[in-house]
Amino acid sequence: TKWVGLDNFRQILTPSAMNNFYQVLYNTLKWVIASLFFQFMI
């Protein structure tokens, strides 16, 4: 085990991984907003 600084964050936010990250972030927003809206209204 060793210190790598911000390497883990860079790996998440690298150009090759960004499309995947954006898709996951979009899914998360959809998951939260849609679930919250219908849970609250009903």
ModelCIF file with pLDDT and N, C-alpha, C, O atoms, coordinates in Angstrom:
data_MODEL
#
_entry.id   MODEL 
#
_entity.id                         1 
_entity.type                       polymer 
_entity.pdbx_number_of_molecules   1 
#
_entity_poly.entity_id                      1 
_entity_poly.type                           'polypeptide(L)' 
_entity_poly.nstd_linkage                   no 
_entity_poly.nstd_monomer                   no 
_entity_poly.pdbx_seq_one_letter_code       TKWVGLDNFRQILTPSAMNNFYQVLYNTLKWVIASLFFQFMI 
_entity_poly.pdbx_seq_one_letter_code_can   TKWVGLDNFRQILTPSAMNNFYQVLYNTLKWVIASLFFQFMI 
_entity_poly.pdbx_strand_id                 A 
#
loop_
_entity_poly_seq.entity_id 
_entity_poly_seq.num 
_entity_poly_seq.mon_id 
_entity_poly_seq.hetero 
1 1  THR n 
1 2  LYS n 
1 3  TRP n 
1 4  VAL n 
1 5  GLY n 
1 6  LEU n 
1 7  ASP n 
1 8  ASN n 
1 9  PHE n 
1 10 ARG n 
1 11 GLN n 
1 12 ILE n 
1 13 LEU n 
1 14 THR n 
1 15 PRO n 
1 16 SER n 
1 17 ALA n 
1 18 MET n 
1 19 ASN n 
1 20 ASN n 
1 21 PHE n 
1 22 TYR n 
1 23 GLN n 
1 24 VAL n 
1 25 LEU n 
1 26 TYR n 
1 27 ASN n 
1 28 THR n 
1 29 LEU n 
1 30 LYS n 
1 31 TRP n 
1 32 VAL n 
1 33 ILE n 
1 34 ALA n 
1 35 SER n 
1 36 LEU n 
1 37 PHE n 
1 38 PHE n 
1 39 GLN n 
1 40 PHE n 
1 41 MET n 
1 42 ILE n 
#
_struct_asym.id          A 
_struct_asym.entity_id   1 
#
loop_
_ma_qa_metric.id 
_ma_qa_metric.mode 
_ma_qa_metric.name 
_ma_qa_metric.software_group_id 
_ma_qa_metric.type 
1 global pLDDT . pLDDT 
2 local  pLDDT . pLDDT 
#
_ma_qa_metric_global.metric_id      1 
_ma_qa_metric_global.metric_value   87.50 
_ma_qa_metric_global.model_id       1 
_ma_qa_metric_global.ordinal_id     1 
#
loop_
_ma_qa_metric_local.label_asym_id 
_ma_qa_metric_local.label_comp_id 
_ma_qa_metric_local.label_seq_id 
_ma_qa_metric_local.metric_id 
_ma_qa_metric_local.metric_value 
_ma_qa_metric_local.model_id 
_ma_qa_metric_local.ordinal_id 
A THR 1  2 81.00 1 1  
A LYS 2  2 85.00 1 2  
A TRP 3  2 87.00 1 3  
A VAL 4  2 85.00 1 4  
A GLY 5  2 84.00 1 5  
A LEU 6  2 87.00 1 6  
A ASP 7  2 88.00 1 7  
A ASN 8  2 86.00 1 8  
A PHE 9  2 88.00 1 9  
A ARG 10 2 86.00 1 10 
A GLN 11 2 86.00 1 11 
A ILE 12 2 83.00 1 12 
A LEU 13 2 80.00 1 13 
A THR 14 2 79.00 1 14 
A PRO 15 2 71.00 1 15 
A SER 16 2 70.00 1 16 
A ALA 17 2 73.00 1 17 
A MET 18 2 73.00 1 18 
A ASN 19 2 76.00 1 19 
A ASN 20 2 82.00 1 20 
A PHE 21 2 84.00 1 21 
A TYR 22 2 87.00 1 22 
A GLN 23 2 89.00 1 23 
A VAL 24 2 90.00 1 24 
A LEU 25 2 90.00 1 25 
A TYR 26 2 92.00 1 26 
A ASN 27 2 93.00 1 27 
A THR 28 2 93.00 1 28 
A LEU 29 2 94.00 1 29 
A LYS 30 2 94.00 1 30 
A TRP 31 2 95.00 1 31 
A VAL 32 2 95.00 1 32 
A ILE 33 2 95.00 1 33 
A ALA 34 2 95.00 1 34 
A SER 35 2 95.00 1 35 
A LEU 36 2 95.00 1 36 
A PHE 37 2 96.00 1 37 
A PHE 38 2 96.00 1 38 
A GLN 39 2 94.00 1 39 
A PHE 40 2 95.00 1 40 
A MET 41 2 95.00 1 41 
A ILE 42 2 93.00 1 42 
#
loop_
_atom_site.group_PDB 
_atom_site.id 
_atom_site.type_symbol 
_atom_site.label_atom_id 
_atom_site.label_alt_id 
_atom_site.label_comp_id 
_atom_site.label_asym_id 
_atom_site.label_entity_id 
_atom_site.label_seq_id 
_atom_site.pdbx_PDB_ins_code 
_atom_site.Cartn_x 
_atom_site.Cartn_y 
_atom_site.Cartn_z 
_atom_site.occupancy 
_atom_site.B_iso_or_equiv 
_atom_site.pdbx_formal_charge 
_atom_site.auth_seq_id 
_atom_site.auth_comp_id 
_atom_site.auth_asym_id 
_atom_site.auth_atom_id 
_atom_site.pdbx_PDB_model_num 
ATOM 1   N N  . THR A 1 1  ? 0.846   -1.197 0.000   1.00 81.00 ? 1  THR A N  1 
ATOM 2   C CA . THR A 1 1  ? 0.000   0.000  0.000   1.00 81.00 ? 1  THR A CA 1 
ATOM 3   C C  . THR A 1 1  ? 0.876   1.241  0.000   1.00 81.00 ? 1  THR A C  1 
ATOM 4   O O  . THR A 1 1  ? 1.794   1.360  0.811   1.00 81.00 ? 1  THR A O  1 
ATOM 5   N N  . LYS A 1 2  ? 0.595   2.154  -0.901  1.00 85.00 ? 2  LYS A N  1 
ATOM 6   C CA . LYS A 1 2  ? 1.426   3.366  -0.988  1.00 85.00 ? 2  LYS A CA 1 
ATOM 7   C C  . LYS A 1 2  ? 0.558   4.567  -1.333  1.00 85.00 ? 2  LYS A C  1 
ATOM 8   O O  . LYS A 1 2  ? -0.543  4.430  -1.867  1.00 85.00 ? 2  LYS A O  1 
ATOM 9   N N  . TRP A 1 3  ? 1.085   5.754  -1.012  1.00 87.00 ? 3  TRP A N  1 
ATOM 10  C CA . TRP A 1 3  ? 0.393   6.991  -1.321  1.00 87.00 ? 3  TRP A CA 1 
ATOM 11  C C  . TRP A 1 3  ? 0.540   7.315  -2.799  1.00 87.00 ? 3  TRP A C  1 
ATOM 12  O O  . TRP A 1 3  ? 1.632   7.242  -3.362  1.00 87.00 ? 3  TRP A O  1 
ATOM 13  N N  . VAL A 1 4  ? -0.579  7.672  -3.415  1.00 85.00 ? 4  VAL A N  1 
ATOM 14  C CA . VAL A 1 4  ? -0.551  8.019  -4.840  1.00 85.00 ? 4  VAL A CA 1 
ATOM 15  C C  . VAL A 1 4  ? -1.118  9.419  -5.091  1.00 85.00 ? 4  VAL A C  1 
ATOM 16  O O  . VAL A 1 4  ? -1.293  9.832  -6.237  1.00 85.00 ? 4  VAL A O  1 
ATOM 17  N N  . GLY A 1 5  ? -1.399  10.135 -4.014  1.00 84.00 ? 5  GLY A N  1 
ATOM 18  C CA . GLY A 1 5  ? -1.907  11.496 -4.172  1.00 84.00 ? 5  GLY A CA 1 
ATOM 19  C C  . GLY A 1 5  ? -3.273  11.519 -4.839  1.00 84.00 ? 5  GLY A C  1 
ATOM 20  O O  . GLY A 1 5  ? -4.203  10.853 -4.384  1.00 84.00 ? 5  GLY A O  1 
ATOM 21  N N  . LEU A 1 6  ? -3.393  12.281 -5.913  1.00 87.00 ? 6  LEU A N  1 
ATOM 22  C CA . LEU A 1 6  ? -4.662  12.455 -6.626  1.00 87.00 ? 6  LEU A CA 1 
ATOM 23  C C  . LEU A 1 6  ? -4.812  11.494 -7.802  1.00 87.00 ? 6  LEU A C  1 
ATOM 24  O O  . LEU A 1 6  ? -5.699  11.673 -8.636  1.00 87.00 ? 6  LEU A O  1 
ATOM 25  N N  . ASP A 1 7  ? -3.954  10.476 -7.876  1.00 88.00 ? 7  ASP A N  1 
ATOM 26  C CA . ASP A 1 7  ? -3.989  9.566  -9.033  1.00 88.00 ? 7  ASP A CA 1 
ATOM 27  C C  . ASP A 1 7  ? -5.331  8.854  -9.178  1.00 88.00 ? 7  ASP A C  1 
ATOM 28  O O  . ASP A 1 7  ? -5.818  8.673  -10.294 1.00 88.00 ? 7  ASP A O  1 
ATOM 29  N N  . ASN A 1 8  ? -5.930  8.449  -8.063  1.00 86.00 ? 8  ASN A N  1 
ATOM 30  C CA . ASN A 1 8  ? -7.227  7.768  -8.144  1.00 86.00 ? 8  ASN A CA 1 
ATOM 31  C C  . ASN A 1 8  ? -8.294  8.684  -8.746  1.00 86.00 ? 8  ASN A C  1 
ATOM 32  O O  . ASN A 1 8  ? -9.120  8.245  -9.547  1.00 86.00 ? 8  ASN A O  1 
ATOM 33  N N  . PHE A 1 9  ? -8.268  9.956  -8.353  1.00 88.00 ? 9  PHE A N  1 
ATOM 34  C CA . PHE A 1 9  ? -9.237  10.913 -8.893  1.00 88.00 ? 9  PHE A CA 1 
ATOM 35  C C  . PHE A 1 9  ? -8.949  11.206 -10.368 1.00 88.00 ? 9  PHE A C  1 
ATOM 36  O O  . PHE A 1 9  ? -9.868  11.350 -11.174 1.00 88.00 ? 9  PHE A O  1 
ATOM 37  N N  . ARG A 1 10 ? -7.663  11.292 -10.707 1.00 86.00 ? 10 ARG A N  1 
ATOM 38  C CA . ARG A 1 10 ? -7.300  11.511 -12.118 1.00 86.00 ? 10 ARG A CA 1 
ATOM 39  C C  . ARG A 1 10 ? -7.773  10.352 -12.980 1.00 86.00 ? 10 ARG A C  1 
ATOM 40  O O  . ARG A 1 10 ? -8.217  10.551 -14.111 1.00 86.00 ? 10 ARG A O  1 
ATOM 41  N N  . GLN A 1 11 ? -7.675  9.133  -12.440 1.00 86.00 ? 11 GLN A N  1 
ATOM 42  C CA . GLN A 1 11 ? -8.103  7.956  -13.194 1.00 86.00 ? 11 GLN A CA 1 
ATOM 43  C C  . GLN A 1 11 ? -9.613  7.988  -13.438 1.00 86.00 ? 11 GLN A C  1 
ATOM 44  O O  . GLN A 1 11 ? -10.087 7.576  -14.496 1.00 86.00 ? 11 GLN A O  1 
ATOM 45  N N  . ILE A 1 12 ? -10.357 8.479  -12.456 1.00 83.00 ? 12 ILE A N  1 
ATOM 46  C CA . ILE A 1 12 ? -11.811 8.592  -12.627 1.00 83.00 ? 12 ILE A CA 1 
ATOM 47  C C  . ILE A 1 12 ? -12.148 9.649  -13.662 1.00 83.00 ? 12 ILE A C  1 
ATOM 48  O O  . ILE A 1 12 ? -13.091 9.484  -14.436 1.00 83.00 ? 12 ILE A O  1 
ATOM 49  N N  . LEU A 1 13 ? -11.383 10.740 -13.681 1.00 80.00 ? 13 LEU A N  1 
ATOM 50  C CA . LEU A 1 13 ? -11.697 11.896 -14.521 1.00 80.00 ? 13 LEU A CA 1 
ATOM 51  C C  . LEU A 1 13 ? -10.822 11.981 -15.767 1.00 80.00 ? 13 LEU A C  1 
ATOM 52  O O  . LEU A 1 13 ? -10.757 13.040 -16.392 1.00 80.00 ? 13 LEU A O  1 
ATOM 53  N N  . THR A 1 14 ? -10.153 10.902 -16.143 1.00 79.00 ? 14 THR A N  1 
ATOM 54  C CA . THR A 1 14 ? -9.378  10.903 -17.384 1.00 79.00 ? 14 THR A CA 1 
ATOM 55  C C  . THR A 1 14 ? -10.331 10.967 -18.574 1.00 79.00 ? 14 THR A C  1 
ATOM 56  O O  . THR A 1 14 ? -11.472 10.514 -18.476 1.00 79.00 ? 14 THR A O  1 
ATOM 57  N N  . PRO A 1 15 ? -9.867  11.537 -19.718 1.00 71.00 ? 15 PRO A N  1 
ATOM 58  C CA . PRO A 1 15 ? -10.754 11.631 -20.898 1.00 71.00 ? 15 PRO A CA 1 
ATOM 59  C C  . PRO A 1 15 ? -11.371 10.303 -21.299 1.00 71.00 ? 15 PRO A C  1 
ATOM 60  O O  . PRO A 1 15 ? -12.531 10.256 -21.708 1.00 71.00 ? 15 PRO A O  1 
ATOM 61  N N  . SER A 1 16 ? -10.598 9.213  -21.186 1.00 70.00 ? 16 SER A N  1 
ATOM 62  C CA . SER A 1 16 ? -11.125 7.908  -21.595 1.00 70.00 ? 16 SER A CA 1 
ATOM 63  C C  . SER A 1 16 ? -12.227 7.412  -20.659 1.00 70.00 ? 16 SER A C  1 
ATOM 64  O O  . SER A 1 16 ? -13.088 6.628  -21.060 1.00 70.00 ? 16 SER A O  1 
ATOM 65  N N  . ALA A 1 17 ? -12.190 7.879  -19.400 1.00 73.00 ? 17 ALA A N  1 
ATOM 66  C CA . ALA A 1 17 ? -13.179 7.422  -18.427 1.00 73.00 ? 17 ALA A CA 1 
ATOM 67  C C  . ALA A 1 17 ? -14.321 8.412  -18.235 1.00 73.00 ? 17 ALA A C  1 
ATOM 68  O O  . ALA A 1 17 ? -15.310 8.095  -17.574 1.00 73.00 ? 17 ALA A O  1 
ATOM 69  N N  . MET A 1 18 ? -14.195 9.605  -18.805 1.00 73.00 ? 18 MET A N  1 
ATOM 70  C CA . MET A 1 18 ? -15.183 10.647 -18.555 1.00 73.00 ? 18 MET A CA 1 
ATOM 71  C C  . MET A 1 18 ? -16.560 10.301 -19.111 1.00 73.00 ? 18 MET A C  1 
ATOM 72  O O  . MET A 1 18 ? -17.572 10.572 -18.465 1.00 73.00 ? 18 MET A O  1 
ATOM 73  N N  . ASN A 1 19 ? -16.609 9.700  -20.311 1.00 76.00 ? 19 ASN A N  1 
ATOM 74  C CA . ASN A 1 19 ? -17.911 9.331  -20.882 1.00 76.00 ? 19 ASN A CA 1 
ATOM 75  C C  . ASN A 1 19 ? -18.665 8.383  -19.957 1.00 76.00 ? 19 ASN A C  1 
ATOM 76  O O  . ASN A 1 19 ? -19.867 8.525  -19.733 1.00 76.00 ? 19 ASN A O  1 
ATOM 77  N N  . ASN A 1 20 ? -17.931 7.419  -19.432 1.00 82.00 ? 20 ASN A N  1 
ATOM 78  C CA . ASN A 1 20 ? -18.538 6.470  -18.500 1.00 82.00 ? 20 ASN A CA 1 
ATOM 79  C C  . ASN A 1 20 ? -18.985 7.182  -17.227 1.00 82.00 ? 20 ASN A C  1 
ATOM 80  O O  . ASN A 1 20 ? -20.061 6.902  -16.698 1.00 82.00 ? 20 ASN A O  1 
ATOM 81  N N  . PHE A 1 21 ? -18.143 8.117  -16.729 1.00 84.00 ? 21 PHE A N  1 
ATOM 82  C CA . PHE A 1 21 ? -18.476 8.852  -15.522 1.00 84.00 ? 21 PHE A CA 1 
ATOM 83  C C  . PHE A 1 21 ? -19.714 9.725  -15.737 1.00 84.00 ? 21 PHE A C  1 
ATOM 84  O O  . PHE A 1 21 ? -20.583 9.796  -14.868 1.00 84.00 ? 21 PHE A O  1 
ATOM 85  N N  . TYR A 1 22 ? -19.794 10.387 -16.889 1.00 87.00 ? 22 TYR A N  1 
ATOM 86  C CA . TYR A 1 22 ? -20.955 11.222 -17.194 1.00 87.00 ? 22 TYR A CA 1 
ATOM 87  C C  . TYR A 1 22 ? -22.229 10.390 -17.269 1.00 87.00 ? 22 TYR A C  1 
ATOM 88  O O  . TYR A 1 22 ? -23.289 10.834 -16.827 1.00 87.00 ? 22 TYR A O  1 
ATOM 89  N N  . GLN A 1 23 ? -22.129 9.178  -17.829 1.00 89.00 ? 23 GLN A N  1 
ATOM 90  C CA . GLN A 1 23 ? -23.297 8.298  -17.918 1.00 89.00 ? 23 GLN A CA 1 
ATOM 91  C C  . GLN A 1 23 ? -23.764 7.890  -16.517 1.00 89.00 ? 23 GLN A C  1 
ATOM 92  O O  . GLN A 1 23 ? -24.960 7.878  -16.228 1.00 89.00 ? 23 GLN A O  1 
ATOM 93  N N  . VAL A 1 24 ? -22.798 7.557  -15.655 1.00 90.00 ? 24 VAL A N  1 
ATOM 94  C CA . VAL A 1 24 ? -23.136 7.181  -14.280 1.00 90.00 ? 24 VAL A CA 1 
ATOM 95  C C  . VAL A 1 24 ? -23.747 8.368  -13.546 1.00 90.00 ? 24 VAL A C  1 
ATOM 96  O O  . VAL A 1 24 ? -24.708 8.207  -12.793 1.00 90.00 ? 24 VAL A O  1 
ATOM 97  N N  . LEU A 1 25 ? -23.190 9.566  -13.763 1.00 90.00 ? 25 LEU A N  1 
ATOM 98  C CA . LEU A 1 25 ? -23.725 10.758 -13.119 1.00 90.00 ? 25 LEU A CA 1 
ATOM 99  C C  . LEU A 1 25 ? -25.139 11.059 -13.615 1.00 90.00 ? 25 LEU A C  1 
ATOM 100 O O  . LEU A 1 25 ? -26.009 11.433 -12.829 1.00 90.00 ? 25 LEU A O  1 
ATOM 101 N N  . TYR A 1 26 ? -25.366 10.895 -14.912 1.00 92.00 ? 26 TYR A N  1 
ATOM 102 C CA . TYR A 1 26 ? -26.714 11.094 -15.475 1.00 92.00 ? 26 TYR A CA 1 
ATOM 103 C C  . TYR A 1 26 ? -27.696 10.089 -14.875 1.00 92.00 ? 26 TYR A C  1 
ATOM 104 O O  . TYR A 1 26 ? -28.809 10.453 -14.495 1.00 92.00 ? 26 TYR A O  1 
ATOM 105 N N  . ASN A 1 27 ? -27.275 8.814  -14.791 1.00 93.00 ? 27 ASN A N  1 
ATOM 106 C CA . ASN A 1 27 ? -28.133 7.795  -14.186 1.00 93.00 ? 27 ASN A CA 1 
ATOM 107 C C  . ASN A 1 27 ? -28.469 8.146  -12.734 1.00 93.00 ? 27 ASN A C  1 
ATOM 108 O O  . ASN A 1 27 ? -29.594 7.941  -12.279 1.00 93.00 ? 27 ASN A O  1 
ATOM 109 N N  . THR A 1 28 ? -27.469 8.680  -12.013 1.00 93.00 ? 28 THR A N  1 
ATOM 110 C CA . THR A 1 28 ? -27.672 9.040  -10.610 1.00 93.00 ? 28 THR A CA 1 
ATOM 111 C C  . THR A 1 28 ? -28.692 10.164 -10.478 1.00 93.00 ? 28 THR A C  1 
ATOM 112 O O  . THR A 1 28 ? -29.581 10.107 -9.628  1.00 93.00 ? 28 THR A O  1 
ATOM 113 N N  . LEU A 1 29 ? -28.560 11.188 -11.323 1.00 94.00 ? 29 LEU A N  1 
ATOM 114 C CA . LEU A 1 29 ? -29.511 12.307 -11.277 1.00 94.00 ? 29 LEU A CA 1 
ATOM 115 C C  . LEU A 1 29 ? -30.921 11.834 -11.634 1.00 94.00 ? 29 LEU A C  1 
ATOM 116 O O  . LEU A 1 29 ? -31.892 12.239 -10.996 1.00 94.00 ? 29 LEU A O  1 
ATOM 117 N N  . LYS A 1 30 ? -31.031 10.991 -12.637 1.00 94.00 ? 30 LYS A N  1 
ATOM 118 C CA . LYS A 1 30 ? -32.346 10.452 -13.023 1.00 94.00 ? 30 LYS A CA 1 
ATOM 119 C C  . LYS A 1 30 ? -32.920 9.617  -11.896 1.00 94.00 ? 30 LYS A C  1 
ATOM 120 O O  . LYS A 1 30 ? -34.103 9.729  -11.574 1.00 94.00 ? 30 LYS A O  1 
ATOM 121 N N  . TRP A 1 31 ? -32.097 8.788  -11.300 1.00 95.00 ? 31 TRP A N  1 
ATOM 122 C CA . TRP A 1 31 ? -32.498 7.927  -10.192 1.00 95.00 ? 31 TRP A CA 1 
ATOM 123 C C  . TRP A 1 31 ? -33.034 8.759  -9.025  1.00 95.00 ? 31 TRP A C  1 
ATOM 124 O O  . TRP A 1 31 ? -34.077 8.431  -8.459  1.00 95.00 ? 31 TRP A O  1 
ATOM 125 N N  . VAL A 1 32 ? -32.326 9.834  -8.663  1.00 95.00 ? 32 VAL A N  1 
ATOM 126 C CA . VAL A 1 32 ? -32.710 10.651 -7.516  1.00 95.00 ? 32 VAL A CA 1 
ATOM 127 C C  . VAL A 1 32 ? -33.948 11.487 -7.829  1.00 95.00 ? 32 VAL A C  1 
ATOM 128 O O  . VAL A 1 32 ? -34.910 11.478 -7.061  1.00 95.00 ? 32 VAL A O  1 
ATOM 129 N N  . ILE A 1 33 ? -33.933 12.210 -8.951  1.00 95.00 ? 33 ILE A N  1 
ATOM 130 C CA . ILE A 1 33 ? -35.013 13.153 -9.264  1.00 95.00 ? 33 ILE A CA 1 
ATOM 131 C C  . ILE A 1 33 ? -36.332 12.424 -9.513  1.00 95.00 ? 33 ILE A C  1 
ATOM 132 O O  . ILE A 1 33 ? -37.364 12.802 -8.959  1.00 95.00 ? 33 ILE A O  1 
ATOM 133 N N  . ALA A 1 34 ? -36.303 11.381 -10.346 1.00 95.00 ? 34 ALA A N  1 
ATOM 134 C CA . ALA A 1 34 ? -37.536 10.653 -10.652 1.00 95.00 ? 34 ALA A CA 1 
ATOM 135 C C  . ALA A 1 34 ? -38.090 9.966  -9.407  1.00 95.00 ? 34 ALA A C  1 
ATOM 136 O O  . ALA A 1 34 ? -39.290 10.033 -9.141  1.00 95.00 ? 34 ALA A O  1 
ATOM 137 N N  . SER A 1 35 ? -37.223 9.310  -8.648  1.00 95.00 ? 35 SER A N  1 
ATOM 138 C CA . SER A 1 35 ? -37.677 8.628  -7.433  1.00 95.00 ? 35 SER A CA 1 
ATOM 139 C C  . SER A 1 35 ? -38.262 9.624  -6.444  1.00 95.00 ? 35 SER A C  1 
ATOM 140 O O  . SER A 1 35 ? -39.328 9.392  -5.875  1.00 95.00 ? 35 SER A O  1 
ATOM 141 N N  . LEU A 1 36 ? -37.551 10.749 -6.239  1.00 95.00 ? 36 LEU A N  1 
ATOM 142 C CA . LEU A 1 36 ? -38.002 11.741 -5.264  1.00 95.00 ? 36 LEU A CA 1 
ATOM 143 C C  . LEU A 1 36 ? -39.339 12.353 -5.671  1.00 95.00 ? 36 LEU A C  1 
ATOM 144 O O  . LEU A 1 36 ? -40.229 12.513 -4.836  1.00 95.00 ? 36 LEU A O  1 
ATOM 145 N N  . PHE A 1 37 ? -39.481 12.694 -6.945  1.00 96.00 ? 37 PHE A N  1 
ATOM 146 C CA . PHE A 1 37 ? -40.706 13.361 -7.406  1.00 96.00 ? 37 PHE A CA 1 
ATOM 147 C C  . PHE A 1 37 ? -41.929 12.493 -7.143  1.00 96.00 ? 37 PHE A C  1 
ATOM 148 O O  . PHE A 1 37 ? -42.901 12.961 -6.548  1.00 96.00 ? 37 PHE A O  1 
ATOM 149 N N  . PHE A 1 38 ? -41.895 11.248 -7.573  1.00 96.00 ? 38 PHE A N  1 
ATOM 150 C CA . PHE A 1 38 ? -43.072 10.388 -7.433  1.00 96.00 ? 38 PHE A CA 1 
ATOM 151 C C  . PHE A 1 38 ? -43.278 9.950  -5.982  1.00 96.00 ? 38 PHE A C  1 
ATOM 152 O O  . PHE A 1 38 ? -44.419 9.823  -5.538  1.00 96.00 ? 38 PHE A O  1 
ATOM 153 N N  . GLN A 1 39 ? -42.196 9.716  -5.237  1.00 94.00 ? 39 GLN A N  1 
ATOM 154 C CA . GLN A 1 39 ? -42.351 9.387  -3.821  1.00 94.00 ? 39 GLN A CA 1 
ATOM 155 C C  . GLN A 1 39 ? -43.027 10.528 -3.074  1.00 94.00 ? 39 GLN A C  1 
ATOM 156 O O  . GLN A 1 39 ? -43.924 10.303 -2.262  1.00 94.00 ? 39 GLN A O  1 
ATOM 157 N N  . PHE A 1 40 ? -42.594 11.745 -3.351  1.00 95.00 ? 40 PHE A N  1 
ATOM 158 C CA . PHE A 1 40 ? -43.132 12.909 -2.651  1.00 95.00 ? 40 PHE A CA 1 
ATOM 159 C C  . PHE A 1 40 ? -44.595 13.159 -3.025  1.00 95.00 ? 40 PHE A C  1 
ATOM 160 O O  . PHE A 1 40 ? -45.439 13.349 -2.150  1.00 95.00 ? 40 PHE A O  1 
ATOM 161 N N  . MET A 1 41 ? -44.889 13.157 -4.315  1.00 95.00 ? 41 MET A N  1 
ATOM 162 C CA . MET A 1 41 ? -46.249 13.471 -4.755  1.00 95.00 ? 41 MET A CA 1 
ATOM 163 C C  . MET A 1 41 ? -47.251 12.428 -4.260  1.00 95.00 ? 41 MET A C  1 
ATOM 164 O O  . MET A 1 41 ? -48.304 12.778 -3.726  1.00 95.00 ? 41 MET A O  1 
ATOM 165 N N  . ILE A 1 42 ? -46.920 11.144 -4.439  1.00 93.00 ? 42 ILE A N  1 
ATOM 166 C CA . ILE A 1 42 ? -47.852 10.091 -4.015  1.00 93.00 ? 42 ILE A CA 1 
ATOM 167 C C  . ILE A 1 42 ? -47.924 10.028 -2.490  1.00 93.00 ? 42 ILE A C  1 
ATOM 168 O O  . ILE A 1 42 ? -48.655 9.204  -1.940  1.00 93.00 ? 42 ILE A O  1 
#
